[in-house]
Amino acid sequence: MLEKRAPYREAHIAHMKKQLETGNVILAGVIDHPPTGALITFRNLKPNDIEQIAQQDPYFINGIVTKYTIKPYIAVAGDPSVKDDLIKIWYCYCIILQRTIQNKKE
């Protein structure tokens, strides 16, 4: 996975930075080690908007990410030091980017 994503990583990071700059992404990161997917938490967007962002991601375009799931996320508890931020993300959407696991070694 790491080798396959290398040629597209810079473009993927730029794609995510654009979303951070617009305030659409709250946080993003990989799932597992080595990575088998990612979790990205969005705010102020509808599922259709998130779908467009996912489909424009260089990892998706180039087959590194082969499927994704968009789910609502509702913050119900959190550290008191971030209570003001929890109000901002009370209701947002998460996207889980996944790749197809193949039986052969990569």
C-alpha atoms as a PDB file:
ATOM      1  CA  MET A   1       0.000   0.000   0.000  1.00  0.00           C
ATOM      2  CA  LEU A   2       2.692   2.490   0.969  1.00  0.00           C
ATOM      3  CA  GLU A   3       4.573   1.990  -2.287  1.00  0.00           C
ATOM      4  CA  LYS A   4       1.414   2.167  -4.381  1.00  0.00           C
ATOM      5  CA  ARG A   5       0.277   5.444  -2.859  1.00  0.00           C
ATOM      6  CA  ALA A   6       3.678   7.166  -3.098  1.00  0.00           C
ATOM      7  CA  PRO A   7       3.215   8.617  -6.630  1.00  0.00           C
ATOM      8  CA  TYR A   8      -0.123  10.184  -5.611  1.00  0.00           C
ATOM      9  CA  ARG A   9       0.621  11.181  -2.020  1.00  0.00           C
ATOM     10  CA  GLU A  10       1.619  14.790  -2.712  1.00  0.00           C
ATOM     11  CA  ALA A  11      -1.548  15.398  -4.760  1.00  0.00           C
ATOM     12  CA  HIS A  12      -3.673  13.657  -2.100  1.00  0.00           C
ATOM     13  CA  ILE A  13      -2.186  15.833   0.671  1.00  0.00           C
ATOM     14  CA  ALA A  14      -2.807  18.975  -1.422  1.00  0.00           C
ATOM     15  CA  HIS A  15      -6.412  17.851  -1.969  1.00  0.00           C
ATOM     16  CA  MET A  16      -6.932  17.425   1.781  1.00  0.00           C
ATOM     17  CA  LYS A  17      -5.148  20.715   2.619  1.00  0.00           C
ATOM     18  CA  LYS A  18      -7.585  22.514   0.324  1.00  0.00           C
ATOM     19  CA  GLN A  19     -10.457  21.073   2.370  1.00  0.00           C
ATOM     20  CA  LEU A  20      -8.741  22.076   5.627  1.00  0.00           C
ATOM     21  CA  GLU A  21      -8.261  25.631   4.350  1.00  0.00           C
ATOM     22  CA  THR A  22     -11.947  25.934   3.469  1.00  0.00           C
ATOM     23  CA  GLY A  23     -12.860  24.719   6.964  1.00  0.00           C
ATOM     24  CA  ASN A  24     -14.587  21.596   5.669  1.00  0.00           C
ATOM     25  CA  VAL A  25     -12.293  19.054   7.355  1.00  0.00           C
ATOM     26  CA  ILE A  26     -12.100  18.770  11.123  1.00  0.00           C
ATOM     27  CA  LEU A  27      -9.532  15.988  11.164  1.00  0.00           C
ATOM     28  CA  ALA A  28      -8.162  13.302   8.892  1.00  0.00           C
ATOM     29  CA  GLY A  29      -5.878  10.334   9.384  1.00  0.00           C
ATOM     30  CA  VAL A  30      -5.068   6.781   8.433  1.00  0.00           C
ATOM     31  CA  ILE A  31      -6.607   3.657   9.916  1.00  0.00           C
ATOM     32  CA  ASP A  32      -4.271   0.856  10.980  1.00  0.00           C
ATOM     33  CA  HIS A  33      -0.527   0.424  10.612  1.00  0.00           C
ATOM     34  CA  PRO A  34       0.358  -0.101   7.850  1.00  0.00           C
ATOM     35  CA  PRO A  35      -2.602   1.937   6.554  1.00  0.00           C
ATOM     36  CA  THR A  36      -5.654   0.077   5.285  1.00  0.00           C
ATOM     37  CA  GLY A  37      -7.849   3.146   4.978  1.00  0.00           C
ATOM     38  CA  ALA A  38      -8.527   6.570   6.432  1.00  0.00           C
ATOM     39  CA  LEU A  39     -11.104   8.449   8.460  1.00  0.00           C
ATOM     40  CA  ILE A  40     -11.944  12.029   7.521  1.00  0.00           C
ATOM     41  CA  THR A  41     -14.397  14.115   9.539  1.00  0.00           C
ATOM     42  CA  PHE A  42     -16.171  16.912   7.648  1.00  0.00           C
ATOM     43  CA  ARG A  43     -18.412  19.747   8.795  1.00  0.00           C
ATOM     44  CA  ASN A  44     -20.809  22.112   7.012  1.00  0.00           C
ATOM     45  CA  LEU A  45     -21.208  19.761   4.047  1.00  0.00           C
ATOM     46  CA  LYS A  46     -23.950  17.500   2.763  1.00  0.00           C
ATOM     47  CA  PRO A  47     -23.253  13.881   1.809  1.00  0.00           C
ATOM     48  CA  ASN A  48     -23.337  14.773  -1.915  1.00  0.00           C
ATOM     49  CA  ASP A  49     -20.611  17.397  -1.352  1.00  0.00           C
ATOM     50  CA  ILE A  50     -18.462  14.872   0.482  1.00  0.00           C
ATOM     51  CA  GLU A  51     -18.990  12.338  -2.280  1.00  0.00           C
ATOM     52  CA  GLN A  52     -17.640  14.849  -4.812  1.00  0.00           C
ATOM     53  CA  ILE A  53     -14.593  15.492  -2.648  1.00  0.00           C
ATOM     54  CA  ALA A  54     -13.947  11.739  -2.336  1.00  0.00           C
ATOM     55  CA  GLN A  55     -14.281  11.174  -6.071  1.00  0.00           C
ATOM     56  CA  GLN A  56     -11.831  14.003  -6.782  1.00  0.00           C
ATOM     57  CA  ASP A  57      -9.219  12.571  -4.417  1.00  0.00           C
ATOM     58  CA  PRO A  58      -6.121  11.391  -6.325  1.00  0.00           C
ATOM     59  CA  TYR A  59      -6.107   8.177  -4.274  1.00  0.00           C
ATOM     60  CA  PHE A  60      -9.624   7.351  -5.482  1.00  0.00           C
ATOM     61  CA  ILE A  61      -8.988   8.444  -9.071  1.00  0.00           C
ATOM     62  CA  ASN A  62      -5.900   6.211  -9.257  1.00  0.00           C
ATOM     63  CA  GLY A  63      -7.380   3.146  -7.544  1.00  0.00           C
ATOM     64  CA  ILE A  64      -5.524   3.378  -4.220  1.00  0.00           C
ATOM     65  CA  VAL A  65      -8.855   3.935  -2.473  1.00  0.00           C
ATOM     66  CA  THR A  66     -11.399   1.591  -4.009  1.00  0.00           C
ATOM     67  CA  LYS A  67     -14.467   2.356  -1.924  1.00  0.00           C
ATOM     68  CA  TYR A  68     -15.696   4.742   0.716  1.00  0.00           C
ATOM     69  CA  THR A  69     -18.563   5.058   3.145  1.00  0.00           C
ATOM     70  CA  ILE A  70     -20.142   8.327   4.276  1.00  0.00           C
ATOM     71  CA  LYS A  71     -21.770   8.223   7.715  1.00  0.00           C
ATOM     72  CA  PRO A  72     -23.237  10.905   9.984  1.00  0.00           C
ATOM     73  CA  TYR A  73     -21.347  11.626  13.178  1.00  0.00           C
ATOM     74  CA  ILE A  74     -22.915  13.265  16.213  1.00  0.00           C
ATOM     75  CA  ALA A  75     -20.610  14.398  19.020  1.00  0.00           C
ATOM     76  CA  VAL A  76     -22.165  13.557  22.393  1.00  0.00           C
ATOM     77  CA  ALA A  77     -19.199  13.762  24.754  1.00  0.00           C
ATOM     78  CA  GLY A  78     -15.692  15.093  24.840  1.00  0.00           C
ATOM     79  CA  ASP A  79     -12.923  16.661  26.823  1.00  0.00           C
ATOM     80  CA  PRO A  80     -14.154  19.852  28.535  1.00  0.00           C
ATOM     81  CA  SER A  81     -11.171  21.766  27.112  1.00  0.00           C
ATOM     82  CA  VAL A  82     -12.672  21.369  23.610  1.00  0.00           C
ATOM     83  CA  LYS A  83     -16.320  21.974  24.537  1.00  0.00           C
ATOM     84  CA  ASP A  84     -16.567  25.009  22.246  1.00  0.00           C
ATOM     85  CA  ASP A  85     -15.261  22.905  19.345  1.00  0.00           C
ATOM     86  CA  LEU A  86     -17.752  20.130  20.114  1.00  0.00           C
ATOM     87  CA  ILE A  87     -20.577  22.601  19.600  1.00  0.00           C
ATOM     88  CA  LYS A  88     -19.185  23.355  16.124  1.00  0.00           C
ATOM     89  CA  ILE A  89     -19.031  19.663  15.179  1.00  0.00           C
ATOM     90  CA  TRP A  90     -22.242  18.599  16.872  1.00  0.00           C
ATOM     91  CA  TYR A  91     -23.452  17.086  13.629  1.00  0.00           C
ATOM     92  CA  CYS A  92     -21.087  16.350  10.805  1.00  0.00           C
ATOM     93  CA  TYR A  93     -20.202  13.551   8.420  1.00  0.00           C
ATOM     94  CA  CYS A  94     -17.325  11.121   8.442  1.00  0.00           C
ATOM     95  CA  ILE A  95     -16.010   9.357   5.401  1.00  0.00           C
ATOM     96  CA  ILE A  96     -14.166   6.075   5.677  1.00  0.00           C
ATOM     97  CA  LEU A  97     -11.841   5.481   2.751  1.00  0.00           C
ATOM     98  CA  GLN A  98     -10.982   1.857   2.147  1.00  0.00           C
ATOM     99  CA  ARG A  99      -9.020  -0.152  -0.305  1.00  0.00           C
ATOM    100  CA  THR A 100      -9.884  -3.620  -1.488  1.00  0.00           C
ATOM    101  CA  ILE A 101      -7.836  -6.195   0.401  1.00  0.00           C
ATOM    102  CA  GLN A 102      -6.221  -8.609  -2.011  1.00  0.00           C
ATOM    103  CA  ASN A 103      -5.188 -12.146  -1.170  1.00  0.00           C
ATOM    104  CA  LYS A 104      -1.748 -11.831  -2.676  1.00  0.00           C
ATOM    105  CA  LYS A 105       1.129  -9.987  -1.063  1.00  0.00           C
ATOM    106  CA  GLU A 106       1.620  -6.409  -2.229  1.00  0.00           C
END
